[in-house]
N, C-alpha and C. Protein backbone atom coordinates (compact mmCIF):
# COMPACT_ATOMS: atom_id res chain seq x y z
N UNK A 1 61.96 21.89 27.91
CA UNK A 1 61.38 20.76 28.16
C UNK A 1 60.41 20.14 27.24
N UNK A 2 60.56 19.03 26.95
CA UNK A 2 59.37 18.22 26.40
C UNK A 2 58.27 17.79 27.11
N UNK A 3 57.01 17.77 26.82
CA UNK A 3 56.17 17.40 27.37
C UNK A 3 55.39 16.08 26.46
N UNK A 4 55.29 14.93 26.84
CA UNK A 4 55.08 13.80 26.20
C UNK A 4 53.88 13.04 26.66
N UNK A 5 52.90 12.88 26.10
CA UNK A 5 51.40 12.11 26.31
C UNK A 5 51.30 10.74 25.83
N UNK A 6 50.55 9.74 26.74
CA UNK A 6 50.48 8.50 26.26
C UNK A 6 51.38 7.84 25.88
N UNK A 7 52.41 7.40 26.28
CA UNK A 7 53.39 6.78 25.93
C UNK A 7 54.14 5.55 26.95
N UNK A 8 55.11 5.15 26.40
CA UNK A 8 55.62 3.97 26.96
C UNK A 8 57.30 3.88 26.95
N UNK A 9 57.87 3.71 28.14
CA UNK A 9 59.10 3.60 28.01
C UNK A 9 59.91 2.11 28.46
N UNK A 10 60.71 1.86 27.26
CA UNK A 10 61.12 0.23 27.52
C UNK A 10 62.39 -0.01 27.63
N UNK A 11 62.96 -0.88 28.21
CA UNK A 11 64.39 -1.15 28.55
C UNK A 11 64.57 -2.44 27.98
N UNK A 12 65.87 -2.30 27.22
CA UNK A 12 66.23 -3.73 26.32
C UNK A 12 67.42 -4.13 26.99
N UNK A 13 67.49 -5.34 26.98
CA UNK A 13 68.79 -6.19 27.01
C UNK A 13 70.18 -6.02 25.84
N UNK A 14 70.92 -6.69 25.98
CA UNK A 14 71.99 -6.68 24.82
C UNK A 14 71.29 -7.62 23.83
N UNK A 15 70.33 -8.39 23.52
CA UNK A 15 69.96 -9.05 22.52
C UNK A 15 68.64 -8.50 22.05
N UNK A 16 68.38 -7.18 22.71
CA UNK A 16 67.27 -6.56 22.09
C UNK A 16 66.00 -6.95 22.55
N UNK A 17 66.08 -7.49 23.86
CA UNK A 17 64.66 -8.05 24.16
C UNK A 17 64.28 -6.97 25.11
N UNK A 18 63.03 -7.06 25.37
CA UNK A 18 62.35 -6.08 26.45
C UNK A 18 62.57 -6.44 27.85
N UNK A 19 63.26 -5.77 28.50
CA UNK A 19 63.33 -6.21 29.98
C UNK A 19 62.42 -5.34 30.81
N UNK A 20 62.09 -4.32 30.52
CA UNK A 20 61.19 -3.30 31.63
C UNK A 20 60.42 -2.82 30.65
N UNK A 21 58.90 -2.49 30.75
CA UNK A 21 58.29 -1.70 30.31
C UNK A 21 57.27 -0.89 31.07
N UNK A 22 57.40 0.37 31.31
CA UNK A 22 56.58 1.32 32.03
C UNK A 22 55.50 2.18 31.02
N UNK A 23 54.35 2.25 31.22
CA UNK A 23 53.25 2.76 30.69
C UNK A 23 53.13 4.40 31.14
N UNK A 24 53.07 5.45 30.58
CA UNK A 24 52.82 6.91 31.37
C UNK A 24 51.78 7.38 30.46
N UNK A 25 50.97 8.24 31.22
CA UNK A 25 50.16 9.37 30.66
C UNK A 25 50.49 10.64 30.13
N UNK A 26 51.69 10.95 31.17
CA UNK A 26 52.18 12.46 30.83
C UNK A 26 53.69 12.28 31.39
N UNK A 27 54.40 12.62 30.53
CA UNK A 27 55.96 12.80 31.01
C UNK A 27 56.71 14.03 30.52
N UNK A 28 57.21 14.69 31.60
CA UNK A 28 58.28 16.06 31.41
C UNK A 28 59.56 15.57 31.16
N UNK A 29 60.00 15.50 30.08
CA UNK A 29 61.47 15.47 29.71
C UNK A 29 62.35 16.41 29.55
N UNK A 30 63.03 16.75 30.55
CA UNK A 30 64.37 17.80 30.34
C UNK A 30 65.11 17.65 29.34
N UNK A 31 65.42 18.34 28.32
CA UNK A 31 66.38 18.04 27.24
C UNK A 31 67.64 18.74 27.78
N UNK A 32 68.82 18.02 27.76
CA UNK A 32 69.97 18.11 28.47
C UNK A 32 70.47 19.34 27.61
N UNK A 33 71.07 20.37 28.23
CA UNK A 33 72.13 21.53 27.63
C UNK A 33 72.63 21.00 26.40
N UNK A 34 73.40 20.18 26.38
CA UNK A 34 74.37 19.42 25.29
C UNK A 34 73.16 19.39 24.23
N UNK A 35 72.16 19.14 24.32
CA UNK A 35 71.24 18.87 23.13
C UNK A 35 70.85 20.09 22.33
N UNK A 36 70.42 20.97 23.19
CA UNK A 36 69.95 22.31 22.48
C UNK A 36 70.17 22.69 21.41
N UNK A 37 71.81 22.92 21.33
CA UNK A 37 71.89 23.52 19.87
C UNK A 37 71.39 22.84 18.71
N UNK A 38 71.43 21.66 18.76
CA UNK A 38 70.86 21.03 17.64
C UNK A 38 69.48 21.70 17.03
N UNK A 39 68.67 22.10 17.69
CA UNK A 39 67.41 22.33 17.48
C UNK A 39 67.84 23.70 16.93
N UNK A 40 68.54 24.65 17.26
CA UNK A 40 68.91 25.83 16.45
C UNK A 40 69.30 25.70 15.01
N UNK A 41 70.12 24.85 14.81
CA UNK A 41 70.77 24.31 13.50
C UNK A 41 69.90 24.11 12.42
N UNK A 42 68.91 23.77 12.50
CA UNK A 42 68.03 23.21 11.39
C UNK A 42 67.69 24.68 10.56
N UNK A 43 67.61 24.33 9.26
CA UNK A 43 67.32 25.30 7.91
C UNK A 43 65.88 24.95 7.40
N UNK A 44 65.59 26.36 7.15
CA UNK A 44 64.00 26.19 6.42
C UNK A 44 64.18 25.71 5.15
N UNK A 45 63.20 25.59 4.44
CA UNK A 45 63.37 25.05 3.07
C UNK A 45 63.78 26.05 2.28
N UNK A 46 63.47 27.26 2.40
CA UNK A 46 64.04 28.69 2.01
C UNK A 46 65.86 28.63 1.55
N UNK A 47 66.53 28.00 2.66
CA UNK A 47 67.72 27.99 2.96
C UNK A 47 68.50 26.75 2.40
N UNK A 48 67.61 26.00 1.87
CA UNK A 48 68.29 24.50 1.45
C UNK A 48 68.55 24.62 -0.03
N UNK A 49 69.50 23.77 -0.68
CA UNK A 49 69.57 23.55 -1.99
C UNK A 49 68.55 22.87 -2.48
N UNK A 50 68.42 22.50 -3.77
CA UNK A 50 67.81 21.92 -4.35
C UNK A 50 67.80 20.17 -3.96
N UNK A 51 69.07 19.97 -3.81
CA UNK A 51 69.73 18.74 -3.51
C UNK A 51 69.23 18.33 -2.21
N UNK A 52 69.52 19.23 -1.32
CA UNK A 52 68.86 18.83 0.29
C UNK A 52 67.60 18.61 0.17
N UNK A 53 66.71 19.55 -0.46
CA UNK A 53 65.34 19.27 -0.72
C UNK A 53 64.84 18.25 -1.05
N UNK A 54 65.51 17.75 -2.18
CA UNK A 54 65.25 16.53 -2.84
C UNK A 54 65.55 15.23 -1.84
N UNK A 55 66.31 15.41 -0.83
CA UNK A 55 66.74 14.21 0.04
C UNK A 55 65.85 14.24 1.07
N UNK A 56 65.00 15.34 1.52
CA UNK A 56 64.11 15.37 2.61
C UNK A 56 62.94 14.83 1.99
N UNK A 57 62.51 15.51 0.69
CA UNK A 57 61.52 15.12 0.07
C UNK A 57 61.27 13.51 0.07
N UNK A 58 62.49 12.75 -0.63
CA UNK A 58 62.28 11.45 -0.88
C UNK A 58 62.35 10.64 0.64
N UNK A 59 62.85 11.15 1.67
CA UNK A 59 62.83 10.66 3.00
C UNK A 59 61.26 10.87 3.43
N UNK A 60 60.91 11.84 3.33
CA UNK A 60 59.35 12.14 4.02
C UNK A 60 58.13 11.42 3.31
N UNK A 61 58.38 11.20 1.68
CA UNK A 61 57.22 10.38 1.08
C UNK A 61 57.62 9.25 1.62
N UNK A 62 58.85 8.54 1.68
CA UNK A 62 58.81 7.07 2.24
C UNK A 62 58.23 6.80 3.98
N UNK A 63 57.95 7.96 4.58
CA UNK A 63 57.86 8.01 5.72
C UNK A 63 56.00 8.24 5.87
N UNK A 64 55.74 8.61 4.38
CA UNK A 64 54.13 8.45 4.49
C UNK A 64 53.47 10.23 5.10
N UNK A 65 54.32 10.79 5.25
CA UNK A 65 54.25 12.45 5.38
C UNK A 65 53.68 13.13 3.84
N UNK A 66 52.75 13.85 4.22
CA UNK A 66 52.38 14.83 3.11
C UNK A 66 53.53 15.76 2.89
N UNK A 67 54.11 15.66 1.44
CA UNK A 67 55.38 16.40 1.19
C UNK A 67 54.90 17.70 0.03
N UNK A 68 53.43 17.91 0.04
CA UNK A 68 53.13 19.06 -1.19
C UNK A 68 53.85 20.30 -0.96
N UNK A 69 53.96 20.96 0.38
CA UNK A 69 54.66 22.21 0.52
C UNK A 69 55.93 21.75 0.15
N UNK A 70 56.53 21.08 0.65
CA UNK A 70 58.08 20.67 0.55
C UNK A 70 58.33 20.52 -1.15
N UNK A 71 57.36 19.92 -2.07
CA UNK A 71 57.87 19.62 -3.31
C UNK A 71 57.58 20.58 -3.99
N UNK A 72 56.68 21.92 -3.40
CA UNK A 72 56.56 22.89 -4.48
C UNK A 72 57.77 23.78 -4.34
N UNK A 73 58.30 24.00 -2.82
CA UNK A 73 59.43 24.86 -2.86
C UNK A 73 60.57 23.98 -3.73
N UNK A 74 60.49 22.55 -3.80
CA UNK A 74 61.75 22.08 -4.49
C UNK A 74 61.34 22.92 -6.00
N UNK A 75 60.38 22.54 -6.61
CA UNK A 75 60.28 22.78 -7.93
C UNK A 75 60.33 24.58 -7.96
N UNK A 76 59.91 25.38 -7.04
CA UNK A 76 60.22 26.50 -7.22
C UNK A 76 61.89 27.37 -7.40
N UNK A 77 62.63 26.39 -6.63
CA UNK A 77 63.90 26.58 -6.76
C UNK A 77 64.40 26.93 -8.00
N UNK A 78 63.63 26.05 -9.13
CA UNK A 78 63.93 26.13 -10.41
C UNK A 78 63.22 27.32 -11.28
N UNK A 79 61.76 27.21 -10.52
CA UNK A 79 60.76 28.06 -11.47
C UNK A 79 61.32 29.26 -11.24
N UNK A 80 61.38 29.84 -9.88
CA UNK A 80 61.69 31.30 -9.82
C UNK A 80 62.68 32.16 -10.39
N UNK A 81 63.68 31.54 -10.47
CA UNK A 81 64.69 32.12 -11.48
C UNK A 81 64.15 32.55 -12.85
N UNK A 82 63.24 31.70 -13.53
CA UNK A 82 62.50 32.08 -14.68
C UNK A 82 61.72 33.33 -14.76
N UNK A 83 61.41 33.63 -13.42
CA UNK A 83 60.49 34.91 -13.45
C UNK A 83 61.02 36.20 -13.85
N UNK A 84 62.46 36.38 -13.89
CA UNK A 84 62.94 37.52 -14.29
C UNK A 84 63.02 37.44 -15.91
N UNK A 85 63.15 36.51 -16.33
CA UNK A 85 63.17 36.35 -17.83
C UNK A 85 61.86 36.72 -18.33
N UNK A 86 60.97 36.19 -17.75
CA UNK A 86 59.55 36.29 -17.97
C UNK A 86 58.86 37.61 -17.80
N UNK A 87 59.55 38.70 -16.92
CA UNK A 87 59.15 40.02 -16.85
C UNK A 87 59.70 40.80 -17.84
N UNK A 88 60.84 40.62 -18.41
CA UNK A 88 61.68 41.00 -19.53
C UNK A 88 60.65 40.69 -20.92
N UNK A 89 60.31 39.66 -20.74
CA UNK A 89 59.50 39.08 -21.91
C UNK A 89 58.17 40.00 -22.05
N UNK A 90 57.74 40.08 -20.91
CA UNK A 90 56.30 41.01 -20.79
C UNK A 90 56.55 42.51 -20.94
N UNK A 91 57.75 42.85 -20.63
CA UNK A 91 58.06 44.34 -20.52
C UNK A 91 58.51 44.65 -21.90
N UNK A 92 59.21 44.10 -22.71
CA UNK A 92 59.97 44.28 -23.88
C UNK A 92 58.68 44.86 -25.10
N UNK A 93 57.87 44.40 -25.28
CA UNK A 93 56.68 44.96 -26.47
C UNK A 93 56.37 46.00 -25.75
N UNK A 94 55.67 46.19 -24.60
CA UNK A 94 55.32 47.39 -24.05
C UNK A 94 56.50 48.66 -23.96
N UNK A 95 57.58 48.51 -24.02
CA UNK A 95 58.59 49.34 -24.04
C UNK A 95 58.76 49.88 -25.38
N UNK A 96 58.35 49.22 -26.44
CA UNK A 96 58.97 49.60 -27.80
C UNK A 96 58.29 50.82 -28.05
N UNK A 97 57.17 51.15 -27.92
CA UNK A 97 56.19 52.39 -28.13
C UNK A 97 56.32 53.36 -27.06
N UNK A 98 57.19 53.20 -25.87
CA UNK A 98 57.07 54.16 -24.89
C UNK A 98 57.61 55.56 -25.39
N UNK A 99 57.03 56.51 -24.61
CA UNK A 99 57.77 57.94 -24.66
C UNK A 99 58.12 58.17 -23.67
N UNK A 100 58.86 59.37 -23.51
CA UNK A 100 59.59 59.86 -22.60
C UNK A 100 58.56 60.04 -20.97
N UNK A 101 57.40 60.65 -21.40
CA UNK A 101 56.41 61.09 -20.32
C UNK A 101 55.95 59.67 -19.93
N UNK A 102 55.70 58.48 -20.25
CA UNK A 102 55.13 57.23 -19.69
C UNK A 102 56.15 56.63 -19.18
N UNK A 103 57.28 57.08 -18.64
CA UNK A 103 58.27 56.50 -17.88
C UNK A 103 57.50 56.24 -16.51
N UNK A 104 56.96 56.94 -15.90
CA UNK A 104 56.32 56.52 -14.60
C UNK A 104 55.24 55.31 -14.86
N UNK A 105 54.41 55.26 -16.10
CA UNK A 105 53.60 54.32 -16.24
C UNK A 105 54.65 52.95 -16.26
N UNK A 106 55.85 53.01 -16.85
CA UNK A 106 56.86 51.96 -16.89
C UNK A 106 57.13 51.32 -15.30
N UNK A 107 57.34 52.05 -14.45
CA UNK A 107 57.68 52.07 -13.09
C UNK A 107 56.44 51.26 -12.48
N UNK A 108 55.09 52.03 -12.71
CA UNK A 108 53.92 51.39 -12.12
C UNK A 108 53.47 50.16 -12.78
N UNK A 109 54.17 49.99 -14.05
CA UNK A 109 53.65 48.67 -14.49
C UNK A 109 54.44 47.34 -14.11
N UNK A 110 56.06 48.07 -13.83
CA UNK A 110 56.89 46.75 -13.20
C UNK A 110 56.45 46.25 -11.80
N UNK A 111 55.99 47.43 -11.14
CA UNK A 111 55.47 47.02 -9.79
C UNK A 111 54.23 46.15 -9.68
N UNK A 112 53.46 46.35 -10.55
CA UNK A 112 51.97 45.80 -10.85
C UNK A 112 52.44 44.47 -11.49
N UNK A 113 53.24 44.15 -12.04
CA UNK A 113 53.57 42.62 -12.69
C UNK A 113 54.12 42.03 -11.69
N UNK A 114 54.96 42.75 -10.87
CA UNK A 114 55.78 41.72 -9.90
C UNK A 114 54.47 41.68 -8.87
N UNK A 115 53.62 42.20 -8.57
CA UNK A 115 52.70 42.11 -7.50
C UNK A 115 51.95 40.89 -7.90
N UNK A 116 51.60 41.34 -8.96
CA UNK A 116 50.67 40.13 -9.76
C UNK A 116 51.13 38.93 -9.73
N UNK A 117 52.54 38.61 -10.14
CA UNK A 117 52.94 37.34 -9.98
C UNK A 117 53.02 36.70 -8.93
N UNK A 118 53.37 37.39 -7.80
CA UNK A 118 53.30 36.80 -6.46
C UNK A 118 51.98 36.37 -5.90
N UNK A 119 50.88 37.20 -6.16
CA UNK A 119 49.68 37.16 -5.97
C UNK A 119 49.45 35.55 -6.57
N UNK A 120 49.35 35.51 -8.19
CA UNK A 120 49.13 34.21 -8.80
C UNK A 120 50.01 33.25 -8.21
N UNK A 121 51.06 33.55 -7.82
CA UNK A 121 51.83 32.28 -7.20
C UNK A 121 51.33 31.89 -5.97
N UNK A 122 51.00 32.72 -5.27
CA UNK A 122 50.51 32.47 -3.94
C UNK A 122 49.22 31.80 -4.05
N UNK A 123 48.30 31.79 -4.78
CA UNK A 123 47.06 31.52 -5.35
C UNK A 123 47.47 29.77 -5.64
N UNK A 124 48.19 29.69 -6.65
CA UNK A 124 48.62 28.33 -7.35
C UNK A 124 49.41 27.42 -6.17
N UNK A 125 50.09 28.17 -5.50
CA UNK A 125 50.86 27.39 -4.28
C UNK A 125 49.66 27.02 -3.33
N UNK A 126 48.87 27.24 -3.22
CA UNK A 126 47.63 27.00 -1.89
C UNK A 126 47.11 25.84 -2.69
N UNK A 127 46.45 26.15 -3.78
CA UNK A 127 45.83 24.83 -4.59
C UNK A 127 46.77 23.68 -4.51
N UNK A 128 48.35 23.86 -4.74
CA UNK A 128 49.25 22.78 -4.46
C UNK A 128 49.38 22.19 -3.23
N UNK A 129 49.44 23.02 -2.04
CA UNK A 129 49.29 22.42 -1.02
C UNK A 129 48.11 21.78 -0.51
N UNK A 130 46.95 22.26 -0.84
CA UNK A 130 45.69 21.46 -0.49
C UNK A 130 45.60 20.17 -1.62
N UNK A 131 46.22 20.18 -2.51
CA UNK A 131 46.07 18.83 -3.49
C UNK A 131 45.16 19.14 -4.56
N UNK A 132 44.79 20.38 -4.77
CA UNK A 132 43.88 20.57 -5.94
C UNK A 132 44.35 20.47 -7.20
N UNK A 133 46.24 20.71 -7.18
CA UNK A 133 46.94 20.41 -8.25
C UNK A 133 48.02 20.09 -7.82
N UNK A 134 48.98 19.49 -8.87
CA UNK A 134 50.30 18.82 -8.24
C UNK A 134 51.18 19.72 -8.07
N UNK A 135 52.49 19.71 -6.84
CA UNK A 135 53.11 20.47 -6.69
C UNK A 135 53.91 20.90 -8.02
N UNK A 136 54.09 20.29 -8.95
CA UNK A 136 54.74 20.75 -10.10
C UNK A 136 53.99 21.91 -10.80
N UNK A 137 52.83 21.53 -11.13
CA UNK A 137 51.89 22.47 -11.61
C UNK A 137 51.93 23.77 -10.89
N UNK A 138 51.83 23.85 -9.47
CA UNK A 138 51.58 25.00 -8.72
C UNK A 138 52.88 25.73 -8.75
N UNK A 139 54.09 24.87 -8.89
CA UNK A 139 55.05 25.90 -8.83
C UNK A 139 55.27 26.29 -10.33
N UNK A 140 55.03 25.75 -11.09
CA UNK A 140 54.93 26.42 -12.73
C UNK A 140 54.13 27.09 -13.48
N UNK A 141 53.15 27.11 -12.75
CA UNK A 141 51.79 27.66 -13.59
C UNK A 141 51.52 29.03 -13.61
N UNK A 142 52.19 29.90 -12.97
CA UNK A 142 52.53 31.28 -12.57
C UNK A 142 53.22 31.54 -13.74
N UNK A 143 54.34 30.77 -14.16
CA UNK A 143 55.39 30.95 -15.20
C UNK A 143 54.91 31.08 -16.70
N UNK A 144 53.92 30.03 -16.79
CA UNK A 144 53.38 29.54 -17.67
C UNK A 144 52.30 30.29 -18.12
N UNK A 145 51.39 30.93 -17.41
CA UNK A 145 50.58 31.95 -17.55
C UNK A 145 51.24 33.66 -17.92
N UNK A 146 52.13 33.67 -17.46
CA UNK A 146 52.97 35.11 -17.66
C UNK A 146 53.94 34.84 -19.06
N UNK A 147 54.33 33.48 -19.36
CA UNK A 147 54.83 33.26 -20.54
C UNK A 147 53.95 33.30 -21.82
N UNK A 148 52.39 32.91 -21.61
CA UNK A 148 51.49 33.04 -22.45
C UNK A 148 51.30 34.68 -22.85
N UNK A 149 51.01 35.50 -21.61
CA UNK A 149 50.85 36.81 -21.66
C UNK A 149 51.87 37.65 -22.72
N UNK A 150 53.20 37.10 -22.14
CA UNK A 150 54.13 37.58 -22.94
C UNK A 150 53.93 37.50 -24.41
N UNK A 151 53.82 36.12 -24.74
CA UNK A 151 53.51 36.03 -26.19
C UNK A 151 52.54 36.86 -27.10
N UNK A 152 51.51 36.91 -26.42
CA UNK A 152 50.28 37.61 -26.88
C UNK A 152 50.88 39.10 -26.82
N UNK A 153 51.62 39.65 -25.72
CA UNK A 153 51.99 41.05 -25.93
C UNK A 153 53.18 40.95 -27.00
N UNK A 154 53.96 40.11 -27.44
CA UNK A 154 55.09 40.10 -28.53
C UNK A 154 54.21 40.26 -29.71
N UNK A 155 53.07 39.17 -29.95
CA UNK A 155 52.60 39.45 -31.14
C UNK A 155 51.96 40.54 -31.38
N UNK A 156 51.18 41.15 -30.37
CA UNK A 156 50.55 42.56 -30.51
C UNK A 156 51.61 43.50 -30.89
N UNK A 157 52.78 43.56 -30.38
CA UNK A 157 53.72 44.32 -30.55
C UNK A 157 54.33 44.68 -32.07
N UNK A 158 54.51 43.03 -32.62
CA UNK A 158 54.87 42.97 -33.93
C UNK A 158 53.91 43.38 -34.83
N UNK A 159 52.73 43.45 -34.79
CA UNK A 159 51.45 43.89 -35.58
C UNK A 159 51.73 45.62 -35.74
N UNK A 160 52.06 46.25 -34.42
CA UNK A 160 51.98 47.59 -34.44
C UNK A 160 52.68 48.30 -35.45
């Protein structure tokens, strides 16, 4: 059941002119059984491809809806696969001087880097959703920071 408030129901003739108009404060509309499967088939942004997200993004932008969260998801579809490259870029210089007893530290470091990545991503995502930075920057800023950290670590490893 849909509960609607402060609305109007209009009936039109074949030429599109209003024939009848009824104003109401509250209306309970029972959704027919044949229409209910429609609601269960909607996909989340995580389940959509970049192409599908772009279509919704353009549609919602034309409608005047705030699309920051959708735009961030759109850009993350491309930015997130680069994270695995960045983790390798960060981990490679640290593993060069590793000794056998330091394996446990390598595992702890990998977990810490993964955790840090998603905490920093959540921070920048919230900045993007709230309009402090652009959705493109919100999606890619974590990768940029991790890339810069990888550059510093690789320069440091080359000097050892």
